[in-house]
């Protein structure tokens, strides 16, 4: 049974865009890859006055964070191989430049009859209120809050493991890794077994990419004067997967190539191993084995955030994602859409839903950009068709492997090496292009390249 969040009677109802209350209000909740791209494009098209046309809609983006980082980069933040400050985007500034309003806060529920979105109050680190409990009226609502890690109720995960759902969690793990290395270097006694070992639970794309990045950056941290630590003997990375092989959602040839590279890096791969508990000392497996590790990352399984099951009766899947029709409208309200990892859509003729990938969110955002304009004109909406362009897995400086689908040569083909790495980086550049345009992306890329030459190759604080 679904429930609607109880909202205090004193909740303020705010017109989304200020004084133009006669214009349609379009609210996008969630500033991830799909949500921010959609807000930016709709803001440019509908949300600002131009000399040749007037503003035709109020566009608003609701997000509980103040900055955006492309989620596929989180493993690099966790490993310390990427400086967050160089890649994050401030929502307030993006909205100012692209014709949408940024509303800081976390969605707690909706009222479909009144067409309201409710936001929790926000507070600073001293407990002082920044924004009060509020609500905003909408004519069209798009839910794009993504997904979160699913611990499947495994004991000890919340207490002893770190998930990689947000940049803050990735940075927290990186600080824990650096502090562990400094602590081991400064202590009088020898390094204990498992003291610097890392256990990564879940060998999907995030887990496998993190394993390779950690192998490289851990050695980079040690190289900056922590010579008491022997990275070959004192730092061990274990990759744990319940499925029979790593990367179970990707073609077997990719998985085999990635596994071969990881084994060359001496990453201990434990496929077919189910985790039963995580403790302060390590990870317990169903077969009775124990993996000593004081640094644990949980990257196994995803689900929709709890709030998706509390949205005034909207239908959700077993994984707590919003079930949508082929037009990306929720099944019980045609004025509410969902995209990206928040949406659950099984394409016609398929047996599985569209996977939680950045390319899916990008395609859905592009589709809704045109279809929302059609809805405003009362034109019939067209169905969304997902195109799988393949999969790429980056193992840092060591390798990149993947497959591209037949849109180039009429069939799937396997790629690796430099070409695969360029294709992988191009995915991020496509995201940046959608947000900034070619000139700013070119300048930012040049700036990052120059800055990289004057800074350590890994983060040391």
Protein backbone atom coordinates (compact mmCIF):
# COMPACT_ATOMS: atom_id res chain seq x y z
CA UNK A 1 0.00 0.00 0.00
CA UNK A 2 1.40 3.39 -0.97
CA UNK A 3 1.22 6.45 1.24
CA UNK A 4 1.42 10.18 0.76
CA UNK A 5 3.84 12.14 2.89
CA UNK A 6 2.10 14.16 5.59
CA UNK A 7 2.83 17.83 5.12
CA UNK A 8 2.34 20.51 7.79
CA UNK A 9 -0.57 22.86 7.25
CA UNK A 10 1.86 25.78 7.31
CA UNK A 11 3.64 24.59 4.15
CA UNK A 12 4.07 27.47 1.74
CA UNK A 13 2.86 27.02 -1.83
CA UNK A 14 5.26 28.84 -4.14
CA UNK A 15 4.65 29.81 -7.77
CA UNK A 16 7.49 28.05 -9.55
CA UNK A 17 8.99 30.81 -11.59
CA UNK A 18 8.05 33.95 -9.75
CA UNK A 19 5.39 36.29 -11.06
CA UNK A 20 4.43 34.65 -14.38
CA UNK A 21 1.75 32.46 -12.82
CA UNK A 22 -0.24 32.29 -16.06
CA UNK A 23 2.53 30.32 -17.80
CA UNK A 24 2.66 26.51 -17.52
CA UNK A 25 4.89 25.29 -14.72
CA UNK A 26 7.31 22.46 -15.52
CA UNK A 27 9.14 20.98 -12.54
CA UNK A 28 12.05 18.55 -12.86
CA UNK A 29 13.01 16.78 -9.63
CA UNK A 30 16.58 15.53 -9.67
CA UNK A 31 19.67 17.11 -11.19
CA UNK A 32 21.49 14.03 -12.40
CA UNK A 33 22.59 13.42 -15.98
CA UNK A 34 19.07 13.26 -17.43
CA UNK A 35 17.37 15.80 -15.17
CA UNK A 36 19.97 18.54 -15.58
CA UNK A 37 20.19 18.04 -19.35
CA UNK A 38 16.40 18.30 -19.63
CA UNK A 39 16.20 21.39 -17.41
CA UNK A 40 18.99 23.08 -19.38
CA UNK A 41 17.44 22.42 -22.80
CA UNK A 42 13.90 23.31 -21.76
CA UNK A 43 15.17 26.44 -20.03
CA UNK A 44 17.02 27.54 -23.15
CA UNK A 45 13.99 26.84 -25.34
CA UNK A 46 11.03 27.87 -23.19
CA UNK A 47 12.26 29.54 -20.02
CA UNK A 48 13.74 32.85 -21.17
CA UNK A 49 12.80 35.82 -23.29
CA UNK A 50 14.54 36.17 -26.63
CA UNK A 51 14.35 39.03 -29.08
CA UNK A 52 12.44 36.82 -31.51
CA UNK A 53 10.09 35.14 -28.97
CA UNK A 54 8.83 35.43 -25.43
CA UNK A 55 9.22 33.03 -22.56
CA UNK A 56 6.53 30.36 -22.79
CA UNK A 57 6.94 28.25 -19.62
CA UNK A 58 8.33 28.35 -16.10
CA UNK A 59 11.08 25.75 -15.73
CA UNK A 60 12.24 24.71 -12.27
CA UNK A 61 14.82 22.16 -11.10
CA UNK A 62 14.54 20.71 -7.59
CA UNK A 63 17.67 19.09 -6.19
CA UNK A 64 18.90 18.35 -2.68
CA UNK A 65 22.55 19.01 -3.60
CA UNK A 66 23.98 22.31 -4.78
CA UNK A 67 26.38 20.94 -7.36
CA UNK A 68 26.25 18.28 -10.07
CA UNK A 69 28.88 15.67 -10.84
CA UNK A 70 28.34 13.10 -13.60
CA UNK A 71 27.63 9.86 -11.70
CA UNK A 72 29.86 7.56 -13.83
CA UNK A 73 32.81 9.59 -12.50
CA UNK A 74 32.18 8.74 -8.83
CA UNK A 75 34.62 5.84 -8.83
CA UNK A 76 37.38 8.26 -9.89
CA UNK A 77 36.48 10.58 -7.01
CA UNK A 78 36.53 7.65 -4.59
CA UNK A 79 39.96 6.58 -5.85
CA UNK A 80 41.30 10.13 -5.72
CA UNK A 81 42.20 10.29 -9.39
CA UNK A 82 39.80 13.16 -10.12
CA UNK A 83 39.47 16.59 -8.56
CA UNK A 84 35.76 17.15 -7.90
CA UNK A 85 36.08 20.93 -8.01
CA UNK A 86 37.18 20.84 -11.66
CA UNK A 87 34.16 18.84 -12.80
CA UNK A 88 31.23 19.90 -10.63
CA UNK A 89 28.53 22.24 -11.92
CA UNK A 90 26.70 24.68 -9.65
CA UNK A 91 22.95 24.36 -10.19
CA UNK A 92 22.30 27.98 -9.26
CA UNK A 93 24.69 29.27 -11.92
CA UNK A 94 23.51 26.75 -14.55
CA UNK A 95 19.92 27.88 -13.98
CA UNK A 96 20.86 31.55 -14.30
CA UNK A 97 22.68 30.91 -17.58
CA UNK A 98 20.03 28.64 -19.07
CA UNK A 99 16.63 29.97 -18.07
CA UNK A 100 15.49 27.72 -15.24
CA UNK A 101 15.06 28.23 -11.49
CA UNK A 102 17.04 26.13 -9.04
CA UNK A 103 15.09 25.09 -5.94
CA UNK A 104 17.30 23.74 -3.17
CA UNK A 105 15.70 20.93 -1.18
CA UNK A 106 14.70 17.29 -1.08
CA UNK A 107 11.33 16.08 -2.36
CA UNK A 108 9.31 14.40 0.42
CA UNK A 109 6.04 13.78 -1.43
CA UNK A 110 3.46 15.09 -3.89
CA UNK A 111 -0.26 15.84 -4.04
CA UNK A 112 -1.51 14.81 -7.48
CA UNK A 113 -4.93 16.41 -7.07
CA UNK A 114 -3.52 19.82 -6.14
CA UNK A 115 -0.48 19.27 -8.38
CA UNK A 116 2.02 20.12 -5.67
CA UNK A 117 5.56 18.93 -4.93
CA UNK A 118 6.59 19.05 -1.26
CA UNK A 119 10.14 19.82 -0.14
CA UNK A 120 11.76 19.24 3.24
CA UNK A 121 13.46 22.05 5.08
CA UNK A 122 17.23 22.37 4.64
CA UNK A 123 19.79 23.15 7.34
CA UNK A 124 23.45 24.15 7.49
CA UNK A 125 26.18 22.31 9.39
CA UNK A 126 25.30 24.27 12.56
CA UNK A 127 21.67 23.20 12.45
CA UNK A 128 20.32 26.57 11.30
CA UNK A 129 17.49 26.51 8.79
CA UNK A 130 18.38 27.55 5.27
CA UNK A 131 15.05 26.97 3.51
CA UNK A 132 11.72 26.11 5.19
CA UNK A 133 9.33 23.29 4.35
CA UNK A 134 7.85 24.37 1.00
CA UNK A 135 5.69 23.19 -1.85
CA UNK A 136 5.68 24.13 -5.53
CA UNK A 137 2.85 23.89 -8.00
CA UNK A 138 3.32 22.11 -11.31
CA UNK A 139 1.48 21.50 -14.55
CA UNK A 140 4.04 18.94 -15.75
CA UNK A 141 6.26 17.03 -13.33
CA UNK A 142 9.35 15.01 -14.28
CA UNK A 143 10.89 12.68 -11.68
CA UNK A 144 14.60 12.08 -12.28
CA UNK A 145 16.10 11.42 -8.85
CA UNK A 146 18.02 8.34 -9.96
CA UNK A 147 18.64 5.25 -7.86
CA UNK A 148 20.54 4.33 -4.72
CA UNK A 149 22.52 1.31 -3.60
CA UNK A 150 20.58 -1.71 -2.41
CA UNK A 151 22.15 -3.52 0.53
CA UNK A 152 19.44 -6.23 0.49
CA UNK A 153 19.29 -6.02 4.27
CA UNK A 154 22.81 -7.39 4.68
CA UNK A 155 23.97 -6.94 8.29
CA UNK A 156 26.70 -4.38 8.88
CA UNK A 157 26.56 -2.64 5.50
CA UNK A 158 25.20 0.65 6.83
CA UNK A 159 27.70 0.69 9.70
CA UNK A 160 30.89 -0.50 8.01
CA UNK A 161 30.62 -0.04 4.22
CA UNK A 162 30.41 3.03 2.02
CA UNK A 163 28.14 3.24 -1.01
CA UNK A 164 28.93 5.37 -4.05
CA UNK A 165 25.60 7.08 -4.72
CA UNK A 166 26.81 10.67 -4.26
CA UNK A 167 30.04 12.68 -4.59
CA UNK A 168 29.98 13.15 -0.81
CA UNK A 169 30.11 9.37 -0.28
CA UNK A 170 32.89 9.00 -2.85
CA UNK A 171 34.91 11.75 -1.16
CA UNK A 172 34.29 10.15 2.23
CA UNK A 173 35.79 6.87 1.03
CA UNK A 174 38.77 8.68 -0.47
CA UNK A 175 39.45 10.46 2.83
CA UNK A 176 39.17 7.15 4.67
CA UNK A 177 41.67 5.56 2.27
CA UNK A 178 44.20 8.39 2.62
CA UNK A 179 43.81 8.51 6.41
CA UNK A 180 44.34 4.75 6.58
CA UNK A 181 47.60 5.07 4.63
CA UNK A 182 48.85 7.96 6.80
CA UNK A 183 47.84 6.07 9.97
CA UNK A 184 49.72 2.96 8.85
CA UNK A 185 52.80 5.01 7.99
CA UNK A 186 52.81 6.81 11.35
CA UNK A 187 52.12 3.85 13.64
CA UNK A 188 54.98 2.23 15.51
CA UNK A 189 54.06 -1.40 14.91
CA UNK A 190 53.81 -3.29 11.65
CA UNK A 191 50.80 -3.04 9.32
CA UNK A 192 48.08 -5.45 10.40
CA UNK A 193 46.52 -7.94 7.96
CA UNK A 194 43.60 -6.23 6.26
CA UNK A 195 44.50 -2.79 7.61
CA UNK A 196 44.96 -1.34 4.12
CA UNK A 197 43.01 -3.92 2.15
CA UNK A 198 39.96 -2.83 0.16
CA UNK A 199 36.93 -5.05 -0.39
CA UNK A 200 34.62 -3.99 -3.21
CA UNK A 201 31.26 -5.76 -3.06
CA UNK A 202 29.60 -5.80 -6.46
CA UNK A 203 31.50 -6.34 -9.72
CA UNK A 204 29.35 -4.31 -12.06
CA UNK A 205 30.83 -1.41 -13.99
CA UNK A 206 31.33 0.75 -10.89
CA UNK A 207 33.03 -1.96 -8.86
CA UNK A 208 35.38 -3.14 -11.60
CA UNK A 209 36.37 0.38 -12.62
CA UNK A 210 36.98 1.31 -8.99
CA UNK A 211 39.24 -1.73 -8.50
CA UNK A 212 41.54 -0.64 -11.33
CA UNK A 213 41.56 3.00 -10.29
CA UNK A 214 42.40 2.07 -6.68
CA UNK A 215 45.31 -0.10 -7.79
CA UNK A 216 46.83 2.90 -9.53
CA UNK A 217 46.02 5.68 -7.05
CA UNK A 218 46.94 3.72 -3.92
CA UNK A 219 50.42 3.37 -5.33
CA UNK A 220 50.38 7.07 -6.17
CA UNK A 221 49.55 8.00 -2.57
CA UNK A 222 52.33 5.75 -1.22
CA UNK A 223 54.82 7.24 -3.68
CA UNK A 224 54.45 10.67 -2.07
CA UNK A 225 56.67 9.83 0.91
CA UNK A 226 54.79 7.01 2.66
CA UNK A 227 57.67 4.64 2.04
CA UNK A 228 56.92 2.42 5.02
CA UNK A 229 54.01 0.95 3.03
CA UNK A 230 54.75 -1.70 0.42
CA UNK A 231 51.80 -1.47 -2.02
CA UNK A 232 52.49 -4.93 -3.47
CA UNK A 233 52.21 -6.67 -0.10
CA UNK A 234 50.35 -4.29 2.21
CA UNK A 235 47.49 -3.21 -0.07
CA UNK A 236 45.21 -5.89 -1.45
CA UNK A 237 42.05 -5.27 -3.49
CA UNK A 238 39.31 -7.91 -3.46
CA UNK A 239 36.39 -7.73 -5.89
CA UNK A 240 33.37 -9.75 -4.73
CA UNK A 241 30.44 -10.69 -6.98
CA UNK A 242 27.46 -12.96 -6.24
CA UNK A 243 26.96 -13.81 -9.93
CA UNK A 244 29.11 -16.49 -11.60
CA UNK A 245 31.29 -13.84 -13.28
CA UNK A 246 32.08 -10.15 -13.03
CA UNK A 247 30.13 -7.66 -15.14
CA UNK A 248 27.12 -10.01 -15.35
CA UNK A 249 25.01 -7.47 -17.27
CA UNK A 250 27.59 -7.08 -20.06
CA UNK A 251 28.72 -9.45 -22.83
CA UNK A 252 30.95 -12.28 -21.64
CA UNK A 253 33.81 -11.26 -23.92
CA UNK A 254 34.02 -7.86 -22.19
CA UNK A 255 33.88 -9.52 -18.77
CA UNK A 256 36.68 -11.92 -19.67
CA UNK A 257 38.90 -9.13 -20.98
CA UNK A 258 38.34 -7.04 -17.85
CA UNK A 259 38.94 -10.02 -15.56
CA UNK A 260 42.23 -10.79 -17.32
CA UNK A 261 43.45 -7.21 -16.83
CA UNK A 262 42.41 -7.14 -13.17
CA UNK A 263 44.17 -10.42 -12.47
CA UNK A 264 47.36 -8.98 -13.96
CA UNK A 265 46.98 -6.19 -11.41
CA UNK A 266 46.69 -8.88 -8.69
CA UNK A 267 43.08 -7.95 -7.89
CA UNK A 268 41.53 -10.92 -6.09
CA UNK A 269 38.28 -11.71 -7.94
CA UNK A 270 35.71 -13.66 -5.92
CA UNK A 271 32.89 -14.45 -8.35
CA UNK A 272 29.98 -16.63 -7.23
CA UNK A 273 30.44 -15.34 -3.67
CA UNK A 274 27.50 -14.00 -1.66
CA UNK A 275 28.19 -11.61 1.20
CA UNK A 276 26.35 -12.43 4.43
CA UNK A 277 27.73 -9.68 6.68
CA UNK A 278 30.14 -6.77 6.84
CA UNK A 279 32.05 -6.14 10.07
CA UNK A 280 34.61 -3.61 11.24
CA UNK A 281 37.33 -6.17 10.47
CA UNK A 282 36.14 -7.45 7.08
CA UNK A 283 33.57 -9.27 4.99
CA UNK A 284 31.86 -12.61 5.69
CA UNK A 285 30.86 -14.82 2.76
CA UNK A 286 28.13 -17.44 2.53
CA UNK A 287 30.66 -20.26 2.10
CA UNK A 288 32.17 -19.42 5.49
CA UNK A 289 35.18 -17.54 4.17
CA UNK A 290 36.25 -14.26 5.78
CA UNK A 291 38.03 -11.48 3.88
CA UNK A 292 39.97 -9.16 6.20
CA UNK A 293 39.40 -5.56 5.14
CA UNK A 294 38.91 -2.33 7.02
CA UNK A 295 37.94 -0.45 3.84
CA UNK A 296 34.71 -1.72 2.27
CA UNK A 297 32.75 -0.33 -0.69
CA UNK A 298 29.23 -1.58 -1.42
CA UNK A 299 28.46 -1.39 -5.15
CA UNK A 300 26.06 -4.32 -5.45
CA UNK A 301 22.51 -3.72 -6.61
CA UNK A 302 20.38 -0.61 -7.05
CA UNK A 303 16.85 0.40 -6.16
CA UNK A 304 14.69 3.49 -6.33
CA UNK A 305 14.91 5.89 -3.36
CA UNK A 306 12.29 5.28 -0.67
CA UNK A 307 10.40 8.45 -1.56
CA UNK A 308 9.33 6.98 -4.92
CA UNK A 309 7.06 4.58 -3.07
CA UNK A 310 5.35 7.48 -1.29
CA UNK A 311 4.26 9.62 -4.25
CA UNK A 312 0.49 9.70 -3.78
CA UNK A 313 -0.24 6.28 -5.21
CA UNK A 314 2.05 6.24 -8.25
CA UNK A 315 2.83 2.67 -9.33
CA UNK A 316 6.31 1.33 -8.55
CA UNK A 317 8.20 -1.83 -9.48
CA UNK A 318 9.71 -4.39 -7.11
CA UNK A 319 12.91 -2.37 -7.24
CA UNK A 320 10.91 0.73 -6.19
CA UNK A 321 11.20 2.52 -9.53
CA UNK A 322 8.28 4.39 -11.10
CA UNK A 323 6.56 2.24 -13.71
CA UNK A 324 6.06 4.24 -16.90
CA UNK A 325 4.37 3.76 -20.26
CA UNK A 326 6.24 3.90 -23.56
CA UNK A 327 5.76 7.70 -23.55
CA UNK A 328 7.64 7.84 -20.19
CA UNK A 329 4.43 8.94 -18.43
CA UNK A 330 3.65 7.28 -15.12
CA UNK A 331 0.88 4.71 -15.39
CA UNK A 332 -1.51 6.56 -13.05
CA UNK A 333 -0.93 10.20 -13.94
CA UNK A 334 -0.31 11.51 -17.48
CA UNK A 335 1.04 14.81 -16.12
CA UNK A 336 3.91 13.06 -14.34
CA UNK A 337 6.89 11.65 -16.23
CA UNK A 338 9.93 9.71 -15.06
CA UNK A 339 13.32 9.25 -16.68
CA UNK A 340 16.69 7.70 -16.02
CA UNK A 341 17.16 5.31 -13.12
CA UNK A 342 13.88 6.46 -11.54
CA UNK A 343 11.89 4.99 -14.44
CA UNK A 344 10.98 1.34 -14.97
CA UNK A 345 10.15 0.60 -18.61
CA UNK A 346 10.17 -2.76 -20.35
CA UNK A 347 10.28 -1.97 -24.08
CA UNK A 348 7.80 -3.69 -26.33
CA UNK A 349 9.09 -7.14 -27.24
CA UNK A 350 11.74 -7.11 -24.48
CA UNK A 351 11.80 -9.19 -21.31
CA UNK A 352 13.93 -6.88 -19.19
CA UNK A 353 13.68 -3.17 -18.39
CA UNK A 354 15.91 -0.49 -19.85
CA UNK A 355 19.18 -0.71 -17.89
CA UNK A 356 20.31 2.03 -15.48
CA UNK A 357 22.94 3.58 -17.75
CA UNK A 358 23.94 7.13 -18.54
CA UNK A 359 23.13 6.63 -22.23
CA UNK A 360 19.53 5.71 -21.31
CA UNK A 361 19.09 8.87 -19.23
CA UNK A 362 20.56 10.97 -22.04
CA UNK A 363 18.22 9.48 -24.63
CA UNK A 364 15.18 9.84 -22.38
CA UNK A 365 16.02 13.48 -21.63
CA UNK A 366 16.31 14.20 -25.36
CA UNK A 367 12.99 12.47 -25.98
CA UNK A 368 11.16 14.37 -23.24
CA UNK A 369 12.62 17.66 -24.46
CA UNK A 370 10.52 17.33 -27.64
CA UNK A 371 7.54 15.51 -26.14
CA UNK A 372 6.95 18.01 -23.34
CA UNK A 373 6.73 20.73 -25.96
CA UNK A 374 4.18 18.60 -27.82
CA UNK A 375 2.18 18.15 -24.62
CA UNK A 376 2.10 21.91 -24.06
CA UNK A 377 0.57 22.20 -27.54
CA UNK A 378 -1.93 19.40 -26.75
CA UNK A 379 -0.41 17.21 -29.45
CA UNK A 380 -0.28 13.39 -29.05
CA UNK A 381 2.90 12.06 -27.51
CA UNK A 382 5.18 9.66 -29.36
CA UNK A 383 6.67 6.53 -27.76
CA UNK A 384 10.26 6.40 -26.59
CA UNK A 385 12.58 3.96 -28.35
CA UNK A 386 15.79 3.04 -26.54
CA UNK A 387 18.89 2.38 -28.65
CA UNK A 388 21.69 0.43 -26.99
CA UNK A 389 24.93 1.79 -28.40
CA UNK A 390 27.04 -0.69 -26.49
CA UNK A 391 29.03 -0.80 -23.28
CA UNK A 392 32.44 0.46 -22.26
CA UNK A 393 34.44 -0.27 -19.13
CA UNK A 394 37.42 1.90 -18.22
CA UNK A 395 40.24 0.43 -16.14
CA UNK A 396 42.02 3.74 -15.69
CA UNK A 397 45.43 3.95 -17.28
CA UNK A 398 45.62 0.20 -17.73
CA UNK A 399 42.95 -0.51 -20.32
CA UNK A 400 39.49 0.27 -21.68
CA UNK A 401 37.34 -2.39 -23.27
CA UNK A 402 33.81 -2.57 -24.63
CA UNK A 403 31.53 -3.26 -27.52
CA UNK A 404 29.81 -0.90 -29.92
CA UNK A 405 26.45 -1.80 -31.39
CA UNK A 406 25.68 -1.98 -35.08
CA UNK A 407 24.83 1.64 -35.79
CA UNK A 408 28.28 2.07 -37.40
CA UNK A 409 29.06 -1.10 -39.30
CA UNK A 410 25.82 -3.05 -39.16
CA UNK A 411 26.91 -5.39 -36.37
CA UNK A 412 28.37 -5.44 -32.87
CA UNK A 413 32.12 -5.30 -32.55
CA UNK A 414 34.62 -5.53 -29.72
CA UNK A 415 36.99 -2.63 -29.04
CA UNK A 416 39.83 -2.04 -26.62
CA UNK A 417 42.85 0.14 -26.07
CA UNK A 418 43.20 3.76 -27.12
CA UNK A 419 40.14 3.82 -29.38
CA UNK A 420 37.97 2.39 -26.60
CA UNK A 421 39.36 4.95 -24.15
CA UNK A 422 38.56 7.80 -26.51
CA UNK A 423 35.02 6.46 -26.96
CA UNK A 424 34.63 6.22 -23.17
CA UNK A 425 35.76 9.81 -22.66
CA UNK A 426 33.49 10.97 -25.47
CA UNK A 427 30.46 9.88 -23.42
CA UNK A 428 31.34 12.45 -20.78
CA UNK A 429 32.05 15.07 -23.41
CA UNK A 430 28.58 14.47 -24.88
CA UNK A 431 27.09 15.15 -21.45
CA UNK A 432 29.13 18.33 -21.08
CA UNK A 433 28.16 19.45 -24.59
CA UNK A 434 24.47 19.05 -23.71
CA UNK A 435 24.98 21.35 -20.72
CA UNK A 436 27.46 23.93 -21.97
CA UNK A 437 27.90 23.83 -25.74
CA UNK A 438 31.12 23.25 -27.69
CA UNK A 439 33.10 26.38 -26.89
CA UNK A 440 32.91 26.14 -23.10
CA UNK A 441 33.64 22.41 -23.22
CA UNK A 442 36.74 23.02 -25.35
CA UNK A 443 38.01 25.73 -22.98
CA UNK A 444 37.30 23.65 -19.87
CA UNK A 445 39.07 20.63 -21.36
CA UNK A 446 42.15 22.71 -22.16
CA UNK A 447 42.13 24.26 -18.69
CA UNK A 448 41.92 20.87 -16.97
CA UNK A 449 44.74 19.53 -19.13
CA UNK A 450 47.05 22.42 -18.16
CA UNK A 451 46.11 22.25 -14.48
CA UNK A 452 46.70 18.51 -14.36
CA UNK A 453 50.36 19.06 -15.23
CA UNK A 454 50.95 21.21 -12.12
CA UNK A 455 49.13 19.04 -9.53
CA UNK A 456 49.70 15.59 -7.98
CA UNK A 457 48.22 12.75 -10.02
CA UNK A 458 46.20 11.66 -6.98
CA UNK A 459 44.32 13.55 -4.30
CA UNK A 460 46.29 13.68 -1.05
CA UNK A 461 43.79 15.28 1.35
